[in-house]
PDB file of N, CA and C in Angstrom:
ATOM      1  N   MET A   1      31.239  27.457  88.810  1.00  0.00           N
ATOM      2  CA  MET A   1      32.266  26.451  88.805  1.00  0.00           C
ATOM      3  C   MET A   1      31.752  25.254  89.602  1.00  0.00           C
ATOM      4  N   PRO A   2      31.350  24.161  88.973  1.00  0.00           N
ATOM      5  CA  PRO A   2      30.822  23.030  89.722  1.00  0.00           C
ATOM      6  C   PRO A   2      31.910  22.335  90.524  1.00  0.00           C
ATOM      7  N   SER A   3      31.575  21.924  91.732  1.00  0.00           N
ATOM      8  CA  SER A   3      32.503  21.190  92.591  1.00  0.00           C
ATOM      9  C   SER A   3      31.816  19.936  93.091  1.00  0.00           C
ATOM     10  N   ASN A   4      32.563  18.885  93.225  1.00  0.00           N
ATOM     11  CA  ASN A   4      32.060  17.649  93.785  1.00  0.00           C
ATOM     12  C   ASN A   4      32.874  17.321  95.020  1.00  0.00           C
ATOM     13  N   ILE A   5      32.224  17.038  96.131  1.00  0.00           N
ATOM     14  CA  ILE A   5      32.947  16.611  97.324  1.00  0.00           C
ATOM     15  C   ILE A   5      33.252  15.134  97.140  1.00  0.00           C
ATOM     16  N   VAL A   6      34.504  14.776  97.337  1.00  0.00           N
ATOM     17  CA  VAL A   6      34.951  13.407  97.121  1.00  0.00           C
ATOM     18  C   VAL A   6      35.242  12.788  98.477  1.00  0.00           C
ATOM     19  N   GLY A   7      34.360  11.929  98.951  1.00  0.00           N
ATOM     20  CA  GLY A   7      34.579  11.223 100.202  1.00  0.00           C
ATOM     21  C   GLY A   7      34.819  12.138 101.401  1.00  0.00           C
ATOM     22  N   GLY A   8      34.432  13.411 101.291  1.00  0.00           N
ATOM     23  CA  GLY A   8      34.588  14.321 102.400  1.00  0.00           C
ATOM     24  C   GLY A   8      36.016  14.757 102.680  1.00  0.00           C
ATOM     25  N   VAL A   9      36.979  14.358 101.848  1.00  0.00           N
ATOM     26  CA  VAL A   9      38.368  14.704 102.116  1.00  0.00           C
ATOM     27  C   VAL A   9      39.018  15.472 100.982  1.00  0.00           C
ATOM     28  N   GLY A  10      38.269  15.900  99.986  1.00  0.00           N
ATOM     29  CA  GLY A  10      38.865  16.637  98.882  1.00  0.00           C
ATOM     30  C   GLY A  10      37.814  17.257  98.008  1.00  0.00           C
ATOM     31  N   ILE A  11      38.267  18.048  97.060  1.00  0.00           N
ATOM     32  CA  ILE A  11      37.364  18.696  96.119  1.00  0.00           C
ATOM     33  C   ILE A  11      37.900  18.467  94.718  1.00  0.00           C
ATOM     34  N   THR A  12      37.017  18.128  93.795  1.00  0.00           N
ATOM     35  CA  THR A  12      37.393  17.974  92.403  1.00  0.00           C
ATOM     36  C   THR A  12      36.689  19.047  91.595  1.00  0.00           C
ATOM     37  N   GLU A  13      37.457  19.836  90.846  1.00  0.00           N
ATOM     38  CA  GLU A  13      36.892  20.828  89.941  1.00  0.00           C
ATOM     39  C   GLU A  13      36.763  20.150  88.576  1.00  0.00           C
ATOM     40  N   LYS A  14      35.595  20.271  87.962  1.00  0.00           N
ATOM     41  CA  LYS A  14      35.364  19.571  86.707  1.00  0.00           C
ATOM     42  C   LYS A  14      34.930  20.551  85.617  1.00  0.00           C
ATOM     43  N   SER A  15      35.498  20.372  84.431  1.00  0.00           N
ATOM     44  CA  SER A  15      35.045  21.114  83.254  1.00  0.00           C
ATOM     45  C   SER A  15      34.940  20.118  82.111  1.00  0.00           C
ATOM     46  N   ASP A  16      34.749  20.622  80.897  1.00  0.00           N
ATOM     47  CA  ASP A  16      34.569  19.738  79.754  1.00  0.00           C
ATOM     48  C   ASP A  16      35.800  18.892  79.463  1.00  0.00           C
ATOM     49  N   ASP A  17      37.008  19.413  79.711  1.00  0.00           N
ATOM     50  CA  ASP A  17      38.202  18.697  79.280  1.00  0.00           C
ATOM     51  C   ASP A  17      39.262  18.514  80.352  1.00  0.00           C
ATOM     52  N   ILE A  18      39.034  18.946  81.577  1.00  0.00           N
ATOM     53  CA  ILE A  18      40.058  18.848  82.609  1.00  0.00           C
ATOM     54  C   ILE A  18      39.420  18.618  83.972  1.00  0.00           C
ATOM     55  N   GLN A  19      40.083  17.816  84.770  1.00  0.00           N
ATOM     56  CA  GLN A  19      39.697  17.634  86.161  1.00  0.00           C
ATOM     57  C   GLN A  19      40.911  17.913  87.022  1.00  0.00           C
ATOM     58  N   VAL A  20      40.702  18.688  88.073  1.00  0.00           N
ATOM     59  CA  VAL A  20      41.749  18.984  89.033  1.00  0.00           C
ATOM     60  C   VAL A  20      41.256  18.502  90.383  1.00  0.00           C
ATOM     61  N   GLY A  21      41.990  17.576  90.999  1.00  0.00           N
ATOM     62  CA  GLY A  21      41.640  17.083  92.315  1.00  0.00           C
ATOM     63  C   GLY A  21      42.640  17.567  93.345  1.00  0.00           C
ATOM     64  N   VAL A  22      42.154  17.963  94.503  1.00  0.00           N
ATOM     65  CA  VAL A  22      43.008  18.392  95.608  1.00  0.00           C
ATOM     66  C   VAL A  22      42.596  17.569  96.821  1.00  0.00           C
ATOM     67  N   PHE A  23      43.543  16.842  97.395  1.00  0.00           N
ATOM     68  CA  PHE A  23      43.209  16.008  98.543  1.00  0.00           C
ATOM     69  C   PHE A  23      44.411  15.825  99.449  1.00  0.00           C
ATOM     70  N   PRO A  24      44.227  15.785 100.759  1.00  0.00           N
ATOM     71  CA  PRO A  24      42.962  16.124 101.419  1.00  0.00           C
ATOM     72  C   PRO A  24      42.744  17.625 101.402  1.00  0.00           C
ATOM     73  N   ASN A  25      41.518  18.018 101.562  1.00  0.00           N
ATOM     74  CA  ASN A  25      41.155  19.425 101.643  1.00  0.00           C
ATOM     75  C   ASN A  25      39.908  19.521 102.494  1.00  0.00           C
ATOM     76  N   PRO A  26      40.006  20.017 103.717  1.00  0.00           N
ATOM     77  CA  PRO A  26      41.084  20.742 104.379  1.00  0.00           C
ATOM     78  C   PRO A  26      42.313  19.867 104.626  1.00  0.00           C
ATOM     79  N   ASN A  27      43.452  20.563 104.849  1.00  0.00           N
ATOM     80  CA  ASN A  27      44.717  19.855 105.054  1.00  0.00           C
ATOM     81  C   ASN A  27      45.596  20.629 106.033  1.00  0.00           C
ATOM     82  N   THR A  28      46.787  20.077 106.295  1.00  0.00           N
ATOM     83  CA  THR A  28      47.734  20.699 107.223  1.00  0.00           C
ATOM     84  C   THR A  28      48.806  21.495 106.491  1.00  0.00           C
ATOM     85  N   GLY A  29      48.620  21.718 105.196  1.00  0.00           N
ATOM     86  CA  GLY A  29      49.615  22.397 104.378  1.00  0.00           C
ATOM     87  C   GLY A  29      50.351  21.439 103.469  1.00  0.00           C
ATOM     88  N   ILE A  30      50.115  20.143 103.654  1.00  0.00           N
ATOM     89  CA  ILE A  30      50.678  19.121 102.771  1.00  0.00           C
ATOM     90  C   ILE A  30      49.501  18.416 102.108  1.00  0.00           C
ATOM     91  N   PHE A  31      49.483  18.448 100.773  1.00  0.00           N
ATOM     92  CA  PHE A  31      48.366  17.869 100.047  1.00  0.00           C
ATOM     93  C   PHE A  31      48.835  17.442  98.661  1.00  0.00           C
ATOM     94  N   HIS A  32      47.958  16.776  97.925  1.00  0.00           N
ATOM     95  CA  HIS A  32      48.257  16.301  96.576  1.00  0.00           C
ATOM     96  C   HIS A  32      47.322  16.978  95.583  1.00  0.00           C
ATOM     97  N   VAL A  33      47.872  17.286  94.412  1.00  0.00           N
ATOM     98  CA  VAL A  33      47.095  17.835  93.302  1.00  0.00           C
ATOM     99  C   VAL A  33      47.164  16.824  92.174  1.00  0.00           C
ATOM    100  N   SER A  34      46.007  16.406  91.689  1.00  0.00           N
ATOM    101  CA  SER A  34      45.992  15.463  90.569  1.00  0.00           C
ATOM    102  C   SER A  34      45.317  16.113  89.372  1.00  0.00           C
ATOM    103  N   LEU A  35      45.926  15.900  88.220  1.00  0.00           N
ATOM    104  CA  LEU A  35      45.393  16.402  86.955  1.00  0.00           C
ATOM    105  C   LEU A  35      44.881  15.231  86.140  1.00  0.00           C
ATOM    106  N   SER A  36      43.846  15.484  85.337  1.00  0.00           N
ATOM    107  CA  SER A  36      43.281  14.414  84.518  1.00  0.00           C
ATOM    108  C   SER A  36      44.300  13.919  83.496  1.00  0.00           C
ATOM    109  N   ASP A  37      44.152  12.671  83.088  1.00  0.00           N
ATOM    110  CA  ASP A  37      45.075  12.068  82.123  1.00  0.00           C
ATOM    111  C   ASP A  37      45.006  12.727  80.759  1.00  0.00           C
ATOM    112  N   GLY A  38      43.931  13.461  80.466  1.00  0.00           N
ATOM    113  CA  GLY A  38      43.782  14.098  79.171  1.00  0.00           C
ATOM    114  C   GLY A  38      44.712  15.281  78.951  1.00  0.00           C
ATOM    115  N   ILE A  39      45.400  15.725  79.997  1.00  0.00           N
ATOM    116  CA  ILE A  39      46.297  16.878  79.869  1.00  0.00           C
ATOM    117  C   ILE A  39      47.662  16.377  79.446  1.00  0.00           C
ATOM    118  N   ARG A  40      48.091  16.795  78.283  1.00  0.00           N
ATOM    119  CA  ARG A  40      49.391  16.357  77.774  1.00  0.00           C
ATOM    120  C   ARG A  40      50.406  17.494  77.743  1.00  0.00           C
ATOM    121  N   GLU A  41      49.944  18.728  77.601  1.00  0.00           N
ATOM    122  CA  GLU A  41      50.877  19.848  77.565  1.00  0.00           C
ATOM    123  C   GLU A  41      51.225  20.276  78.986  1.00  0.00           C
ATOM    124  N   GLN A  42      52.298  21.036  79.090  1.00  0.00           N
ATOM    125  CA  GLN A  42      52.733  21.506  80.393  1.00  0.00           C
ATOM    126  C   GLN A  42      51.708  22.483  80.973  1.00  0.00           C
ATOM    127  N   THR A  43      51.522  22.405  82.255  1.00  0.00           N
ATOM    128  CA  THR A  43      50.543  23.200  82.969  1.00  0.00           C
ATOM    129  C   THR A  43      51.250  23.891  84.130  1.00  0.00           C
ATOM    130  N   LYS A  44      50.797  25.090  84.480  1.00  0.00           N
ATOM    131  CA  LYS A  44      51.401  25.848  85.566  1.00  0.00           C
ATOM    132  C   LYS A  44      50.448  25.891  86.754  1.00  0.00           C
ATOM    133  N   MET A  45      51.001  25.725  87.960  1.00  0.00           N
ATOM    134  CA  MET A  45      50.209  25.777  89.178  1.00  0.00           C
ATOM    135  C   MET A  45      50.742  26.887  90.066  1.00  0.00           C
ATOM    136  N   MET A  46      49.825  27.702  90.600  1.00  0.00           N
ATOM    137  CA  MET A  46      50.187  28.748  91.553  1.00  0.00           C
ATOM    138  C   MET A  46      49.251  28.659  92.741  1.00  0.00           C
ATOM    139  N   ILE A  47      49.779  29.016  93.909  1.00  0.00           N
ATOM    140  CA  ILE A  47      48.953  29.140  95.100  1.00  0.00           C
ATOM    141  C   ILE A  47      49.061  30.580  95.561  1.00  0.00           C
ATOM    142  N   ARG A  48      47.888  31.186  95.812  1.00  0.00           N
ATOM    143  CA  ARG A  48      47.821  32.587  96.220  1.00  0.00           C
ATOM    144  C   ARG A  48      47.124  32.709  97.572  1.00  0.00           C
ATOM    145  N   THR A  49      47.507  33.751  98.307  1.00  0.00           N
ATOM    146  CA  THR A  49      46.794  34.103  99.531  1.00  0.00           C
ATOM    147  C   THR A  49      45.492  34.793  99.147  1.00  0.00           C
ATOM    148  N   LEU A  50      44.666  35.101 100.136  1.00  0.00           N
ATOM    149  CA  LEU A  50      43.404  35.791  99.869  1.00  0.00           C
ATOM    150  C   LEU A  50      43.609  37.168  99.262  1.00  0.00           C
ATOM    151  N   VAL A  51      44.756  37.799  99.524  1.00  0.00           N
ATOM    152  CA  VAL A  51      45.025  39.128  98.967  1.00  0.00           C
ATOM    153  C   VAL A  51      45.787  39.053  97.645  1.00  0.00           C
ATOM    154  N   GLY A  52      46.044  37.840  97.151  1.00  0.00           N
ATOM    155  CA  GLY A  52      46.640  37.671  95.831  1.00  0.00           C
ATOM    156  C   GLY A  52      48.138  37.439  95.785  1.00  0.00           C
ATOM    157  N   THR A  53      48.797  37.408  96.937  1.00  0.00           N
ATOM    158  CA  THR A  53      50.236  37.155  96.962  1.00  0.00           C
ATOM    159  C   THR A  53      50.528  35.717  96.555  1.00  0.00           C
ATOM    160  N   ILE A  54      51.438  35.525  95.607  1.00  0.00           N
ATOM    161  CA  ILE A  54      51.817  34.171  95.165  1.00  0.00           C
ATOM    162  C   ILE A  54      52.799  33.589  96.177  1.00  0.00           C
ATOM    163  N   ILE A  55      52.452  32.425  96.741  1.00  0.00           N
ATOM    164  CA  ILE A  55      53.341  31.768  97.707  1.00  0.00           C
ATOM    165  C   ILE A  55      53.945  30.479  97.153  1.00  0.00           C
ATOM    166  N   PHE A  56      53.428  30.001  96.021  1.00  0.00           N
ATOM    167  CA  PHE A  56      53.914  28.754  95.428  1.00  0.00           C
ATOM    168  C   PHE A  56      53.700  28.844  93.934  1.00  0.00           C
ATOM    169  N   ASN A  57      54.699  28.404  93.162  1.00  0.00           N
ATOM    170  CA  ASN A  57      54.632  28.489  91.706  1.00  0.00           C
ATOM    171  C   ASN A  57      55.418  27.313  91.145  1.00  0.00           C
ATOM    172  N   GLN A  58      54.772  26.469  90.351  1.00  0.00           N
ATOM    173  CA  GLN A  58      55.444  25.279  89.834  1.00  0.00           C
ATOM    174  C   GLN A  58      54.800  24.844  88.517  1.00  0.00           C
ATOM    175  N   SER A  59      55.604  24.289  87.629  1.00  0.00           N
ATOM    176  CA  SER A  59      55.083  23.693  86.397  1.00  0.00           C
ATOM    177  C   SER A  59      54.717  22.247  86.680  1.00  0.00           C
ATOM    178  N   LEU A  60      53.653  21.780  86.042  1.00  0.00           N
ATOM    179  CA  LEU A  60      53.156  20.415  86.245  1.00  0.00           C
ATOM    180  C   LEU A  60      52.988  19.716  84.907  1.00  0.00           C
ATOM    181  N   ILE A  61      52.997  18.407  84.975  1.00  0.00           N
ATOM    182  CA  ILE A  61      52.607  17.582  83.841  1.00  0.00           C
ATOM    183  C   ILE A  61      51.588  16.595  84.390  1.00  0.00           C
ATOM    184  N   SER A  62      50.742  16.074  83.538  1.00  0.00           N
ATOM    185  CA  SER A  62      49.667  15.171  83.943  1.00  0.00           C
ATOM    186  C   SER A  62      50.110  14.198  85.027  1.00  0.00           C
ATOM    187  N   GLY A  63      49.224  13.963  85.961  1.00  0.00           N
ATOM    188  CA  GLY A  63      49.507  13.048  87.050  1.00  0.00           C
ATOM    189  C   GLY A  63      49.243  13.684  88.390  1.00  0.00           C
ATOM    190  N   GLU A  64      49.986  13.219  89.401  1.00  0.00           N
ATOM    191  CA  GLU A  64      49.772  13.685  90.759  1.00  0.00           C
ATOM    192  C   GLU A  64      51.033  14.340  91.302  1.00  0.00           C
ATOM    193  N   THR A  65      50.874  15.438  92.012  1.00  0.00           N
ATOM    194  CA  THR A  65      51.999  16.187  92.565  1.00  0.00           C
ATOM    195  C   THR A  65      51.743  16.451  94.041  1.00  0.00           C
ATOM    196  N   LYS A  66      52.758  16.213  94.868  1.00  0.00           N
ATOM    197  CA  LYS A  66      52.671  16.528  96.290  1.00  0.00           C
ATOM    198  C   LYS A  66      53.115  17.976  96.493  1.00  0.00           C
ATOM    199  N   VAL A  67      52.341  18.727  97.272  1.00  0.00           N
ATOM    200  CA  VAL A  67      52.622  20.132  97.537  1.00  0.00           C
ATOM    201  C   VAL A  67      52.761  20.321  99.043  1.00  0.00           C
ATOM    202  N   ASP A  68      53.754  21.117  99.441  1.00  0.00           N
ATOM    203  CA  ASP A  68      53.976  21.393 100.867  1.00  0.00           C
ATOM    204  C   ASP A  68      54.050  22.896 101.075  1.00  0.00           C
ATOM    205  N   ILE A  69      53.004  23.454 101.678  1.00  0.00           N
ATOM    206  CA  ILE A  69      53.002  24.866 102.070  1.00  0.00           C
ATOM    207  C   ILE A  69      52.828  24.972 103.588  1.00  0.00           C
ATOM    208  N   SER A  70      53.292  23.961 104.299  1.00  0.00           N
ATOM    209  CA  SER A  70      53.099  23.909 105.750  1.00  0.00           C
ATOM    210  C   SER A  70      53.869  24.985 106.503  1.00  0.00           C
ATOM    211  N   ASP A  71      54.816  25.660 105.856  1.00  0.00           N
ATOM    212  CA  ASP A  71      55.541  26.756 106.496  1.00  0.00           C
ATOM    213  C   ASP A  71      54.713  28.040 106.553  1.00  0.00           C
ATOM    214  N   TYR A  72      53.580  28.059 105.863  1.00  0.00           N
ATOM    215  CA  TYR A  72      52.723  29.241 105.842  1.00  0.00           C
ATOM    216  C   TYR A  72      51.640  29.120 106.910  1.00  0.00           C
ATOM    217  N   LEU A  73      51.026  30.240 107.256  1.00  0.00           N
ATOM    218  CA  LEU A  73      49.983  30.275 108.273  1.00  0.00           C
ATOM    219  C   LEU A  73      48.747  29.492 107.847  1.00  0.00           C
ATOM    220  N   ASP A  74      48.019  28.995 108.829  1.00  0.00           N
ATOM    221  CA  ASP A  74      46.728  28.373 108.559  1.00  0.00           C
ATOM    222  C   ASP A  74      45.798  29.411 107.954  1.00  0.00           C
ATOM    223  N   GLY A  75      44.893  28.964 107.103  1.00  0.00           N
ATOM    224  CA  GLY A  75      43.937  29.888 106.502  1.00  0.00           C
ATOM    225  C   GLY A  75      43.431  29.372 105.177  1.00  0.00           C
ATOM    226  N   ILE A  76      42.876  30.276 104.392  1.00  0.00           N
ATOM    227  CA  ILE A  76      42.322  29.944 103.085  1.00  0.00           C
ATOM    228  C   ILE A  76      43.263  30.460 102.004  1.00  0.00           C
ATOM    229  N   TYR A  77      43.534  29.605 101.030  1.00  0.00           N
ATOM    230  CA  TYR A  77      44.394  29.926  99.894  1.00  0.00           C
ATOM    231  C   TYR A  77      43.663  29.522  98.625  1.00  0.00           C
ATOM    232  N   PHE A  78      44.144  30.008  97.489  1.00  0.00           N
ATOM    233  CA  PHE A  78      43.577  29.614  96.204  1.00  0.00           C
ATOM    234  C   PHE A  78      44.634  28.948  95.352  1.00  0.00           C
ATOM    235  N   LEU A  79      44.348  27.719  94.928  1.00  0.00           N
ATOM    236  CA  LEU A  79      45.188  26.988  93.988  1.00  0.00           C
ATOM    237  C   LEU A  79      44.684  27.333  92.598  1.00  0.00           C
ATOM    238  N   GLU A  80      45.584  27.766  91.722  1.00  0.00           N
ATOM    239  CA  GLU A  80      45.214  28.119  90.360  1.00  0.00           C
ATOM    240  C   GLU A  80      46.007  27.260  89.385  1.00  0.00           C
ATOM    241  N   ILE A  81      45.302  26.652  88.457  1.00  0.00           N
ATOM    242  CA  ILE A  81      45.909  25.841  87.404  1.00  0.00           C
ATOM    243  C   ILE A  81      45.741  26.602  86.101  1.00  0.00           C
ATOM    244  N   TYR A  82      46.855  26.881  85.420  1.00  0.00           N
ATOM    245  CA  TYR A  82      46.851  27.652  84.173  1.00  0.00           C
ATOM    246  C   TYR A  82      47.222  26.758  83.005  1.00  0.00           C
ATOM    247  N   ARG A  83      46.398  26.799  81.980  1.00  0.00           N
ATOM    248  CA  ARG A  83      46.699  26.151  80.707  1.00  0.00           C
ATOM    249  C   ARG A  83      46.575  27.202  79.622  1.00  0.00           C
ATOM    250  N   ALA A  84      47.193  26.961  78.501  1.00  0.00           N
ATOM    251  CA  ALA A  84      47.149  27.937  77.402  1.00  0.00           C
ATOM    252  C   ALA A  84      45.834  27.827  76.656  1.00  0.00           C
ATOM    253  N   PRO A  85      45.420  28.849  76.003  1.00  0.00           N
ATOM    254  CA  PRO A  85      45.475  30.246  76.398  1.00  0.00           C
ATOM    255  C   PRO A  85      44.237  30.586  77.209  1.00  0.00           C
ATOM    256  N   GLY A  86      44.403  31.188  78.319  1.00  0.00           N
ATOM    257  CA  GLY A  86      43.315  31.697  79.138  1.00  0.00           C
ATOM    258  C   GLY A  86      42.474  30.686  79.875  1.00  0.00           C
ATOM    259  N   GLN A  87      42.908  29.447  79.965  1.00  0.00           N
ATOM    260  CA  GLN A  87      42.163  28.457  80.729  1.00  0.00           C
ATOM    261  C   GLN A  87      42.718  28.432  82.150  1.00  0.00           C
ATOM    262  N   ILE A  88      41.868  28.756  83.114  1.00  0.00           N
ATOM    263  CA  ILE A  88      42.278  28.818  84.508  1.00  0.00           C
ATOM    264  C   ILE A  88      41.259  28.061  85.351  1.00  0.00           C
ATOM    265  N   LYS A  89      41.758  27.233  86.237  1.00  0.00           N
ATOM    266  CA  LYS A  89      40.919  26.565  87.244  1.00  0.00           C
ATOM    267  C   LYS A  89      41.353  27.063  88.603  1.00  0.00           C
ATOM    268  N   ARG A  90      40.391  27.398  89.456  1.00  0.00           N
ATOM    269  CA  ARG A  90      40.695  27.832  90.814  1.00  0.00           C
ATOM    270  C   ARG A  90      40.021  26.888  91.808  1.00  0.00           C
ATOM    271  N   VAL A  91      40.793  26.501  92.818  1.00  0.00           N
ATOM    272  CA  VAL A  91      40.283  25.637  93.870  1.00  0.00           C
ATOM    273  C   VAL A  91      40.628  26.292  95.205  1.00  0.00           C
ATOM    274  N   LYS A  92      39.650  26.387  96.090  1.00  0.00           N
ATOM    275  CA  LYS A  92      39.899  26.951  97.419  1.00  0.00           C
ATOM    276  C   LYS A  92      40.561  25.891  98.288  1.00  0.00           C
ATOM    277  N   LEU A  93      41.686  26.251  98.930  1.00  0.00           N
ATOM    278  CA  LEU A  93      42.388  25.362  99.851  1.00  0.00           C
ATOM    279  C   LEU A  93      42.151  25.835 101.275  1.00  0.00           C
ATOM    280  N   ILE A  94      41.938  24.919 102.170  1.00  0.00           N
ATOM    281  CA  ILE A  94      41.804  25.250 103.583  1.00  0.00           C
ATOM    282  C   ILE A  94      42.951  24.563 104.315  1.00  0.00           C
ATOM    283  N   VAL A  95      43.817  25.378 104.906  1.00  0.00           N
ATOM    284  CA  VAL A  95      44.969  24.876 105.659  1.00  0.00           C
ATOM    285  C   VAL A  95      44.696  25.143 107.121  1.00  0.00           C
ATOM    286  N   ARG A  96      44.733  24.070 107.935  1.00  0.00           N
ATOM    287  CA  ARG A  96      44.505  24.231 109.371  1.00  0.00           C
ATOM    288  C   ARG A  96      45.441  23.373 110.191  1.00  0.00           C
TER     289      ARG A  96
END
């Protein structure tokens, strides 16, 4: 899974047809998720702990979304973006 560091404050996951940006990363539990303009269908976003527990679940549409998981402990989480069928992007989040 190729990753590009963007200005040292975020990570962009890139594939042939979708880009998912998370910034800032690392963060304090409040961050933004941006989806590429090429996504027109509804997309689902989940955040999981290292052991797989889902702590956040939301539907998204192209653009930018603010996420707040600051009520959870500092640590490493995984942001997962689901598109139909079987397209999944995972981004590691660092909350401190």
